[in-house]
C-alpha atoms as a PDB file:
ATOM      1  CA  UNK A   1       3.228  -9.674 -10.364  1.00  0.00           C
ATOM      2  CA  UNK A   2       1.389  -9.637  -7.021  1.00  0.00           C
ATOM      3  CA  UNK A   3       2.279 -12.246  -4.389  1.00  0.00           C
ATOM      4  CA  UNK A   4      -0.419 -14.693  -3.355  1.00  0.00           C
ATOM      5  CA  UNK A   5      -2.018 -14.093   0.043  1.00  0.00           C
ATOM      6  CA  UNK A   6      -0.293 -17.128   1.551  1.00  0.00           C
ATOM      7  CA  UNK A   7       3.061 -15.800   0.312  1.00  0.00           C
ATOM      8  CA  UNK A   8       2.799 -12.449   2.113  1.00  0.00           C
ATOM      9  CA  UNK A   9       5.776 -12.311   4.454  1.00  0.00           C
ATOM     10  CA  UNK A  10       5.606 -10.322   7.691  1.00  0.00           C
ATOM     11  CA  UNK A  11       9.253  -9.253   7.499  1.00  0.00           C
ATOM     12  CA  UNK A  12       8.837  -7.984   3.939  1.00  0.00           C
ATOM     13  CA  UNK A  13       5.603  -6.174   4.838  1.00  0.00           C
ATOM     14  CA  UNK A  14       7.143  -4.533   7.902  1.00  0.00           C
ATOM     15  CA  UNK A  15      10.205  -3.526   5.891  1.00  0.00           C
ATOM     16  CA  UNK A  16       7.951  -1.893   3.284  1.00  0.00           C
ATOM     17  CA  UNK A  17       6.087  -0.066   6.057  1.00  0.00           C
ATOM     18  CA  UNK A  18       9.294   1.198   7.688  1.00  0.00           C
ATOM     19  CA  UNK A  19       9.307   4.226   5.381  1.00  0.00           C
ATOM     20  CA  UNK A  20       6.995   7.079   6.360  1.00  0.00           C
ATOM     21  CA  UNK A  21       5.941   7.864   2.784  1.00  0.00           C
ATOM     22  CA  UNK A  22       4.927   4.269   2.114  1.00  0.00           C
ATOM     23  CA  UNK A  23       3.170   4.005   5.479  1.00  0.00           C
ATOM     24  CA  UNK A  24       1.178   7.173   4.694  1.00  0.00           C
ATOM     25  CA  UNK A  25       0.073   5.668   1.348  1.00  0.00           C
ATOM     26  CA  UNK A  26      -1.181   2.519   3.077  1.00  0.00           C
ATOM     27  CA  UNK A  27      -2.985   4.500   5.785  1.00  0.00           C
ATOM     28  CA  UNK A  28      -4.680   6.721   3.199  1.00  0.00           C
ATOM     29  CA  UNK A  29      -5.770   3.679   1.193  1.00  0.00           C
ATOM     30  CA  UNK A  30      -6.964   1.900   4.353  1.00  0.00           C
ATOM     31  CA  UNK A  31      -9.284   4.823   5.109  1.00  0.00           C
ATOM     32  CA  UNK A  32     -10.995   4.481   1.721  1.00  0.00           C
ATOM     33  CA  UNK A  33     -13.818   2.070   0.870  1.00  0.00           C
ATOM     34  CA  UNK A  34     -12.669  -1.454  -0.007  1.00  0.00           C
ATOM     35  CA  UNK A  35     -11.303  -1.723  -3.571  1.00  0.00           C
ATOM     36  CA  UNK A  36     -11.133   2.061  -4.000  1.00  0.00           C
ATOM     37  CA  UNK A  37      -8.448   3.105  -6.467  1.00  0.00           C
ATOM     38  CA  UNK A  38      -6.095   6.059  -6.619  1.00  0.00           C
ATOM     39  CA  UNK A  39      -3.329   7.119  -8.933  1.00  0.00           C
ATOM     40  CA  UNK A  40       0.213   7.310  -7.623  1.00  0.00           C
ATOM     41  CA  UNK A  41       0.312  11.049  -8.308  1.00  0.00           C
ATOM     42  CA  UNK A  42      -2.775  11.645  -6.154  1.00  0.00           C
ATOM     43  CA  UNK A  43      -0.727  11.133  -2.976  1.00  0.00           C
ATOM     44  CA  UNK A  44       1.260  14.303  -3.630  1.00  0.00           C
ATOM     45  CA  UNK A  45       4.577  12.929  -2.442  1.00  0.00           C
ATOM     46  CA  UNK A  46       7.266  15.639  -2.467  1.00  0.00           C
ATOM     47  CA  UNK A  47       9.710  13.301  -4.205  1.00  0.00           C
ATOM     48  CA  UNK A  48      11.180  12.739  -7.652  1.00  0.00           C
ATOM     49  CA  UNK A  49       9.044  10.617  -9.968  1.00  0.00           C
ATOM     50  CA  UNK A  50      11.607   7.788  -9.938  1.00  0.00           C
ATOM     51  CA  UNK A  51      11.568   7.729  -6.132  1.00  0.00           C
ATOM     52  CA  UNK A  52       7.775   7.610  -6.030  1.00  0.00           C
ATOM     53  CA  UNK A  53       7.810   4.763  -8.553  1.00  0.00           C
ATOM     54  CA  UNK A  54      10.328   2.935  -6.369  1.00  0.00           C
ATOM     55  CA  UNK A  55       8.141   3.329  -3.277  1.00  0.00           C
ATOM     56  CA  UNK A  56       5.101   1.903  -5.066  1.00  0.00           C
ATOM     57  CA  UNK A  57       7.170  -1.001  -6.409  1.00  0.00           C
ATOM     58  CA  UNK A  58       8.220  -1.882  -2.858  1.00  0.00           C
ATOM     59  CA  UNK A  59       4.595  -1.766  -1.676  1.00  0.00           C
ATOM     60  CA  UNK A  60       3.482  -3.918  -4.629  1.00  0.00           C
ATOM     61  CA  UNK A  61       6.266  -6.467  -4.170  1.00  0.00           C
ATOM     62  CA  UNK A  62       5.438  -6.722  -0.461  1.00  0.00           C
ATOM     63  CA  UNK A  63       1.850  -7.535  -1.447  1.00  0.00           C
ATOM     64  CA  UNK A  64       0.283  -4.483   0.171  1.00  0.00           C
ATOM     65  CA  UNK A  65      -1.094  -2.912  -3.000  1.00  0.00           C
ATOM     66  CA  UNK A  66      -2.118  -4.053  -6.429  1.00  0.00           C
ATOM     67  CA  UNK A  67      -1.761  -2.178  -9.685  1.00  0.00           C
ATOM     68  CA  UNK A  68      -4.802  -1.899 -11.878  1.00  0.00           C
ATOM     69  CA  UNK A  69      -4.123  -1.187 -15.546  1.00  0.00           C
ATOM     70  CA  UNK A  70      -6.826   0.883 -17.216  1.00  0.00           C
ATOM     71  CA  UNK A  71      -5.031   1.078 -20.563  1.00  0.00           C
ATOM     72  CA  UNK A  72      -4.180   4.775 -20.612  1.00  0.00           C
ATOM     73  CA  UNK A  73      -3.481   4.996 -16.877  1.00  0.00           C
ATOM     74  CA  UNK A  74      -2.603   2.857 -13.904  1.00  0.00           C
ATOM     75  CA  UNK A  75      -4.195   2.992 -10.502  1.00  0.00           C
ATOM     76  CA  UNK A  76      -3.435   1.294  -7.228  1.00  0.00           C
ATOM     77  CA  UNK A  77      -5.645  -0.207  -4.572  1.00  0.00           C
ATOM     78  CA  UNK A  78      -5.011  -1.719  -1.178  1.00  0.00           C
ATOM     79  CA  UNK A  79      -5.139  -5.496  -0.873  1.00  0.00           C
ATOM     80  CA  UNK A  80      -7.215  -5.043   2.268  1.00  0.00           C
ATOM     81  CA  UNK A  81      -8.895  -8.441   2.291  1.00  0.00           C
ATOM     82  CA  UNK A  82      -5.588 -10.250   1.718  1.00  0.00           C
ATOM     83  CA  UNK A  83      -3.764  -8.225   4.381  1.00  0.00           C
ATOM     84  CA  UNK A  84      -6.567  -8.694   6.904  1.00  0.00           C
ATOM     85  CA  UNK A  85      -6.624 -12.421   6.199  1.00  0.00           C
ATOM     86  CA  UNK A  86      -2.861 -12.864   6.552  1.00  0.00           C
ATOM     87  CA  UNK A  87      -2.167 -10.258   9.283  1.00  0.00           C
ATOM     88  CA  UNK A  88      -5.404  -9.552  11.190  1.00  0.00           C
ATOM     89  CA  UNK A  89      -5.440  -6.116  12.798  1.00  0.00           C
ATOM     90  CA  UNK A  90      -2.349  -4.757  11.041  1.00  0.00           C
ATOM     91  CA  UNK A  91      -4.215  -2.101   9.077  1.00  0.00           C
ATOM     92  CA  UNK A  92      -6.181  -1.052  12.161  1.00  0.00           C
ATOM     93  CA  UNK A  93      -2.923  -0.548  14.078  1.00  0.00           C
ATOM     94  CA  UNK A  94      -1.446   1.517  11.248  1.00  0.00           C
ATOM     95  CA  UNK A  95      -4.505   3.765  11.003  1.00  0.00           C
ATOM     96  CA  UNK A  96      -4.719   4.161  14.778  1.00  0.00           C
ATOM     97  CA  UNK A  97      -1.011   5.015  14.926  1.00  0.00           C
ATOM     98  CA  UNK A  98      -1.422   7.619  12.199  1.00  0.00           C
ATOM     99  CA  UNK A  99      -4.329   9.189  14.090  1.00  0.00           C
ATOM    100  CA  UNK A 100      -2.060   9.822  17.087  1.00  0.00           C
ATOM    101  CA  UNK A 101       0.724  11.501  15.062  1.00  0.00           C
END
């Protein structure tokens, strides 16, 4: 379901981050404490539910987020440790770039 850290591909990650909505999700998660969870709806994306689901699937398949199943609900969290290990500094650049927008 989630790619292994060693399998995270820079091209796939950058492609996933090319969309502003997905980039905003990653930046918001990066600003939270490590392993913090949020629901997909908590991001308030002004998009159809199917489109939001698609965006989160792309982020998950790229290895940027992981889904956590709590039985009656699902949450997502950033794979911060894995991303930092595979692509050191990437999250810092994204957050810094968002701060200048």
